[in-house]
């Protein structure tokens, strides 16, 4: 999963420090028939509520439902999903913080000129040692530390 944040413009209100928060995620379980859209929507609703209870907000969720072997443009590491985010929000993602724990997240971020940020949770420790890690990647121990850096 990758989260992108950028200074707010337009009709979407910013969070407390002036950013919109968007989740962009590969969800091959949909394409493989492991869960349906109703289940996915319930998962997303639970995540949105949990973030809200912690005082945060998710402005939108973008996802690629295609299986890993797909050649679609929306499946990270290809940049199609992040380009869609940029188009829908009428913004340039150059320099935008994009947080993730997988190499795919960071490669997609770098492909659109966003600032890749690796968190060392989930797959992050393994990703940190990958030779293809974009060299401009910032590294933080967890999401809270990355968010603190962005908010500073």
C-alpha atoms as a PDB file:
ATOM      1  CA  UNK A   1       0.000   0.000   0.000  1.00  0.00           C
ATOM      2  CA  UNK A   2       1.190   3.513  -0.670  1.00  0.00           C
ATOM      3  CA  UNK A   3      -0.177   6.701   0.734  1.00  0.00           C
ATOM      4  CA  UNK A   4       0.396  10.000  -0.983  1.00  0.00           C
ATOM      5  CA  UNK A   5      -0.028  13.388   0.632  1.00  0.00           C
ATOM      6  CA  UNK A   6       0.173  16.857  -0.869  1.00  0.00           C
ATOM      7  CA  UNK A   7      -0.736  20.435  -0.067  1.00  0.00           C
ATOM      8  CA  UNK A   8      -4.451  20.886  -0.490  1.00  0.00           C
ATOM      9  CA  UNK A   9      -5.963  22.798  -3.379  1.00  0.00           C
ATOM     10  CA  UNK A  10      -9.468  22.887  -4.745  1.00  0.00           C
ATOM     11  CA  UNK A  11     -12.627  21.667  -3.042  1.00  0.00           C
ATOM     12  CA  UNK A  12     -11.146  18.863  -0.891  1.00  0.00           C
ATOM     13  CA  UNK A  13     -10.437  20.176   2.613  1.00  0.00           C
ATOM     14  CA  UNK A  14      -6.918  19.526   3.902  1.00  0.00           C
ATOM     15  CA  UNK A  15      -6.102  17.696   7.100  1.00  0.00           C
ATOM     16  CA  UNK A  16      -4.789  19.569  10.146  1.00  0.00           C
ATOM     17  CA  UNK A  17      -1.387  20.221   8.564  1.00  0.00           C
ATOM     18  CA  UNK A  18      -2.669  21.066   5.083  1.00  0.00           C
ATOM     19  CA  UNK A  19      -2.462  17.744   3.263  1.00  0.00           C
ATOM     20  CA  UNK A  20      -4.829  15.433   1.459  1.00  0.00           C
ATOM     21  CA  UNK A  21      -4.302  11.735   2.133  1.00  0.00           C
ATOM     22  CA  UNK A  22      -4.839   9.159  -0.598  1.00  0.00           C
ATOM     23  CA  UNK A  23      -4.308   5.408  -0.374  1.00  0.00           C
ATOM     24  CA  UNK A  24      -3.157   3.612  -3.544  1.00  0.00           C
ATOM     25  CA  UNK A  25      -3.000  -0.155  -3.264  1.00  0.00           C
ATOM     26  CA  UNK A  26      -2.678  -3.330  -5.316  1.00  0.00           C
ATOM     27  CA  UNK A  27      -5.491  -5.733  -4.409  1.00  0.00           C
ATOM     28  CA  UNK A  28      -5.021  -8.822  -6.548  1.00  0.00           C
ATOM     29  CA  UNK A  29      -7.384 -10.737  -4.247  1.00  0.00           C
ATOM     30  CA  UNK A  30     -10.265  -9.122  -6.131  1.00  0.00           C
ATOM     31  CA  UNK A  31      -8.943 -10.255  -9.519  1.00  0.00           C
ATOM     32  CA  UNK A  32      -8.210 -13.728  -8.189  1.00  0.00           C
ATOM     33  CA  UNK A  33     -11.718 -14.068  -6.732  1.00  0.00           C
ATOM     34  CA  UNK A  34     -10.533 -14.293  -3.111  1.00  0.00           C
ATOM     35  CA  UNK A  35     -12.980 -11.562  -2.074  1.00  0.00           C
ATOM     36  CA  UNK A  36     -15.679  -9.498  -3.734  1.00  0.00           C
ATOM     37  CA  UNK A  37     -16.264  -5.761  -3.895  1.00  0.00           C
ATOM     38  CA  UNK A  38     -18.643  -5.864  -0.925  1.00  0.00           C
ATOM     39  CA  UNK A  39     -15.909  -7.348   1.249  1.00  0.00           C
ATOM     40  CA  UNK A  40     -13.364  -4.862  -0.096  1.00  0.00           C
ATOM     41  CA  UNK A  41     -15.696  -1.954   0.664  1.00  0.00           C
ATOM     42  CA  UNK A  42     -16.178  -3.267   4.220  1.00  0.00           C
ATOM     43  CA  UNK A  43     -12.386  -3.456   4.685  1.00  0.00           C
ATOM     44  CA  UNK A  44     -11.974   0.087   3.390  1.00  0.00           C
ATOM     45  CA  UNK A  45     -14.802   1.363   5.621  1.00  0.00           C
ATOM     46  CA  UNK A  46     -13.142  -0.215   8.656  1.00  0.00           C
ATOM     47  CA  UNK A  47      -9.798   1.380   7.759  1.00  0.00           C
ATOM     48  CA  UNK A  48     -11.361   4.819   7.218  1.00  0.00           C
ATOM     49  CA  UNK A  49     -13.156   4.602  10.581  1.00  0.00           C
ATOM     50  CA  UNK A  50     -10.003   3.456  12.407  1.00  0.00           C
ATOM     51  CA  UNK A  51      -8.020   6.346  10.948  1.00  0.00           C
ATOM     52  CA  UNK A  52     -10.800   8.779  11.899  1.00  0.00           C
ATOM     53  CA  UNK A  53     -10.854   7.454  15.473  1.00  0.00           C
ATOM     54  CA  UNK A  54      -7.123   8.168  15.643  1.00  0.00           C
ATOM     55  CA  UNK A  55      -7.764  11.753  14.498  1.00  0.00           C
ATOM     56  CA  UNK A  56      -6.825  11.322  10.841  1.00  0.00           C
ATOM     57  CA  UNK A  57      -8.636  11.290   7.531  1.00  0.00           C
ATOM     58  CA  UNK A  58      -8.350   9.387   4.270  1.00  0.00           C
ATOM     59  CA  UNK A  59      -9.592  11.474   1.365  1.00  0.00           C
ATOM     60  CA  UNK A  60      -9.805   8.627  -1.122  1.00  0.00           C
ATOM     61  CA  UNK A  61      -8.695   5.103  -1.906  1.00  0.00           C
ATOM     62  CA  UNK A  62      -7.477   3.999  -5.317  1.00  0.00           C
ATOM     63  CA  UNK A  63      -6.833   0.339  -6.027  1.00  0.00           C
ATOM     64  CA  UNK A  64      -5.791  -2.052  -8.737  1.00  0.00           C
ATOM     65  CA  UNK A  65      -7.963  -5.188  -8.647  1.00  0.00           C
ATOM     66  CA  UNK A  66      -5.933  -7.066 -11.249  1.00  0.00           C
ATOM     67  CA  UNK A  67      -3.912 -10.222 -10.606  1.00  0.00           C
ATOM     68  CA  UNK A  68      -0.130  -9.978 -10.338  1.00  0.00           C
ATOM     69  CA  UNK A  69       0.404 -11.367 -13.831  1.00  0.00           C
ATOM     70  CA  UNK A  70      -1.730  -8.610 -15.356  1.00  0.00           C
ATOM     71  CA  UNK A  71      -0.175  -6.159 -17.767  1.00  0.00           C
ATOM     72  CA  UNK A  72      -2.479  -3.321 -16.726  1.00  0.00           C
ATOM     73  CA  UNK A  73      -1.006   0.138 -16.154  1.00  0.00           C
ATOM     74  CA  UNK A  74      -2.631   0.559 -12.740  1.00  0.00           C
ATOM     75  CA  UNK A  75      -0.753  -2.208 -10.940  1.00  0.00           C
ATOM     76  CA  UNK A  76       2.251  -0.891  -9.050  1.00  0.00           C
ATOM     77  CA  UNK A  77       5.168  -0.649  -9.790  1.00  0.00           C
ATOM     78  CA  UNK A  78       3.691   0.784 -12.989  1.00  0.00           C
ATOM     79  CA  UNK A  79       2.655   4.400 -12.399  1.00  0.00           C
ATOM     80  CA  UNK A  80      -0.873   4.312 -13.863  1.00  0.00           C
ATOM     81  CA  UNK A  81      -2.698   4.372 -10.525  1.00  0.00           C
ATOM     82  CA  UNK A  82      -0.686   7.343  -9.262  1.00  0.00           C
ATOM     83  CA  UNK A  83      -1.211   9.144 -12.582  1.00  0.00           C
ATOM     84  CA  UNK A  84      -4.943   8.598 -12.066  1.00  0.00           C
ATOM     85  CA  UNK A  85      -4.665  10.173  -8.600  1.00  0.00           C
ATOM     86  CA  UNK A  86      -2.898  13.190 -10.117  1.00  0.00           C
ATOM     87  CA  UNK A  87      -5.517  13.513 -12.840  1.00  0.00           C
ATOM     88  CA  UNK A  88      -8.519  13.203 -10.512  1.00  0.00           C
ATOM     89  CA  UNK A  89      -7.100  15.747  -8.078  1.00  0.00           C
ATOM     90  CA  UNK A  90      -5.752  18.003 -10.841  1.00  0.00           C
ATOM     91  CA  UNK A  91      -2.302  18.115  -9.267  1.00  0.00           C
ATOM     92  CA  UNK A  92       1.306  17.337 -10.066  1.00  0.00           C
ATOM     93  CA  UNK A  93       2.797  14.629  -7.857  1.00  0.00           C
ATOM     94  CA  UNK A  94       6.370  15.915  -8.246  1.00  0.00           C
ATOM     95  CA  UNK A  95       7.897  15.951  -4.774  1.00  0.00           C
ATOM     96  CA  UNK A  96       4.719  14.683  -3.122  1.00  0.00           C
ATOM     97  CA  UNK A  97       5.471  12.367  -0.181  1.00  0.00           C
ATOM     98  CA  UNK A  98       4.474   8.788  -1.060  1.00  0.00           C
ATOM     99  CA  UNK A  99       4.768   6.295   1.796  1.00  0.00           C
ATOM    100  CA  UNK A 100       4.999   2.533   1.401  1.00  0.00           C
ATOM    101  CA  UNK A 101       6.628  -0.639   2.647  1.00  0.00           C
ATOM    102  CA  UNK A 102       7.143  -2.422  -0.663  1.00  0.00           C
ATOM    103  CA  UNK A 103       9.546  -1.875  -3.527  1.00  0.00           C
ATOM    104  CA  UNK A 104       6.546  -1.592  -5.879  1.00  0.00           C
ATOM    105  CA  UNK A 105       5.160   1.342  -3.896  1.00  0.00           C
ATOM    106  CA  UNK A 106       8.454   3.206  -4.027  1.00  0.00           C
ATOM    107  CA  UNK A 107       9.116   2.489  -7.697  1.00  0.00           C
ATOM    108  CA  UNK A 108       5.668   3.781  -8.666  1.00  0.00           C
ATOM    109  CA  UNK A 109       6.249   6.914  -6.571  1.00  0.00           C
ATOM    110  CA  UNK A 110       9.619   7.550  -8.193  1.00  0.00           C
ATOM    111  CA  UNK A 111       8.132   7.014 -11.676  1.00  0.00           C
ATOM    112  CA  UNK A 112       5.759   9.969 -11.193  1.00  0.00           C
ATOM    113  CA  UNK A 113       8.366  12.169  -9.520  1.00  0.00           C
ATOM    114  CA  UNK A 114       6.921  11.785  -6.016  1.00  0.00           C
ATOM    115  CA  UNK A 115       9.184  11.530  -2.956  1.00  0.00           C
ATOM    116  CA  UNK A 116       9.416   7.825  -2.070  1.00  0.00           C
ATOM    117  CA  UNK A 117       9.264   7.173   1.678  1.00  0.00           C
ATOM    118  CA  UNK A 118       9.930   3.693   3.041  1.00  0.00           C
ATOM    119  CA  UNK A 119       8.547   2.600   6.394  1.00  0.00           C
ATOM    120  CA  UNK A 120      10.336  -0.305   8.050  1.00  0.00           C
ATOM    121  CA  UNK A 121       7.116  -2.041   9.071  1.00  0.00           C
ATOM    122  CA  UNK A 122       5.436  -4.842   7.137  1.00  0.00           C
ATOM    123  CA  UNK A 123       7.724  -5.650   4.188  1.00  0.00           C
ATOM    124  CA  UNK A 124       9.842  -2.560   4.827  1.00  0.00           C
ATOM    125  CA  UNK A 125      12.940  -4.187   6.335  1.00  0.00           C
ATOM    126  CA  UNK A 126      13.225  -6.593   3.396  1.00  0.00           C
ATOM    127  CA  UNK A 127      12.551  -3.757   0.937  1.00  0.00           C
ATOM    128  CA  UNK A 128      15.261  -1.597   2.532  1.00  0.00           C
ATOM    129  CA  UNK A 129      17.936  -4.078   1.438  1.00  0.00           C
ATOM    130  CA  UNK A 130      16.722  -4.389  -2.165  1.00  0.00           C
ATOM    131  CA  UNK A 131      19.263  -3.230  -4.762  1.00  0.00           C
ATOM    132  CA  UNK A 132      16.522  -1.550  -6.860  1.00  0.00           C
ATOM    133  CA  UNK A 133      15.358   0.745  -4.045  1.00  0.00           C
ATOM    134  CA  UNK A 134      15.060   4.244  -5.574  1.00  0.00           C
ATOM    135  CA  UNK A 135      18.121   6.119  -4.321  1.00  0.00           C
ATOM    136  CA  UNK A 136      16.117   9.206  -3.302  1.00  0.00           C
ATOM    137  CA  UNK A 137      14.023   7.129  -0.874  1.00  0.00           C
ATOM    138  CA  UNK A 138      13.695   8.483   2.669  1.00  0.00           C
ATOM    139  CA  UNK A 139      13.502   5.819   5.392  1.00  0.00           C
ATOM    140  CA  UNK A 140      11.573   5.922   8.674  1.00  0.00           C
ATOM    141  CA  UNK A 141      10.908   3.260  11.312  1.00  0.00           C
ATOM    142  CA  UNK A 142       7.107   3.511  10.983  1.00  0.00           C
ATOM    143  CA  UNK A 143       4.180   5.504   9.622  1.00  0.00           C
ATOM    144  CA  UNK A 144       4.055   7.816  12.642  1.00  0.00           C
ATOM    145  CA  UNK A 145       7.686   8.835  12.134  1.00  0.00           C
ATOM    146  CA  UNK A 146       7.140   9.396   8.411  1.00  0.00           C
ATOM    147  CA  UNK A 147       4.008  11.465   9.062  1.00  0.00           C
ATOM    148  CA  UNK A 148       5.889  13.484  11.680  1.00  0.00           C
ATOM    149  CA  UNK A 149       8.608  14.269   9.130  1.00  0.00           C
ATOM    150  CA  UNK A 150       6.032  15.358   6.549  1.00  0.00           C
ATOM    151  CA  UNK A 151       4.171  17.529   9.060  1.00  0.00           C
ATOM    152  CA  UNK A 152       7.337  19.228  10.333  1.00  0.00           C
END
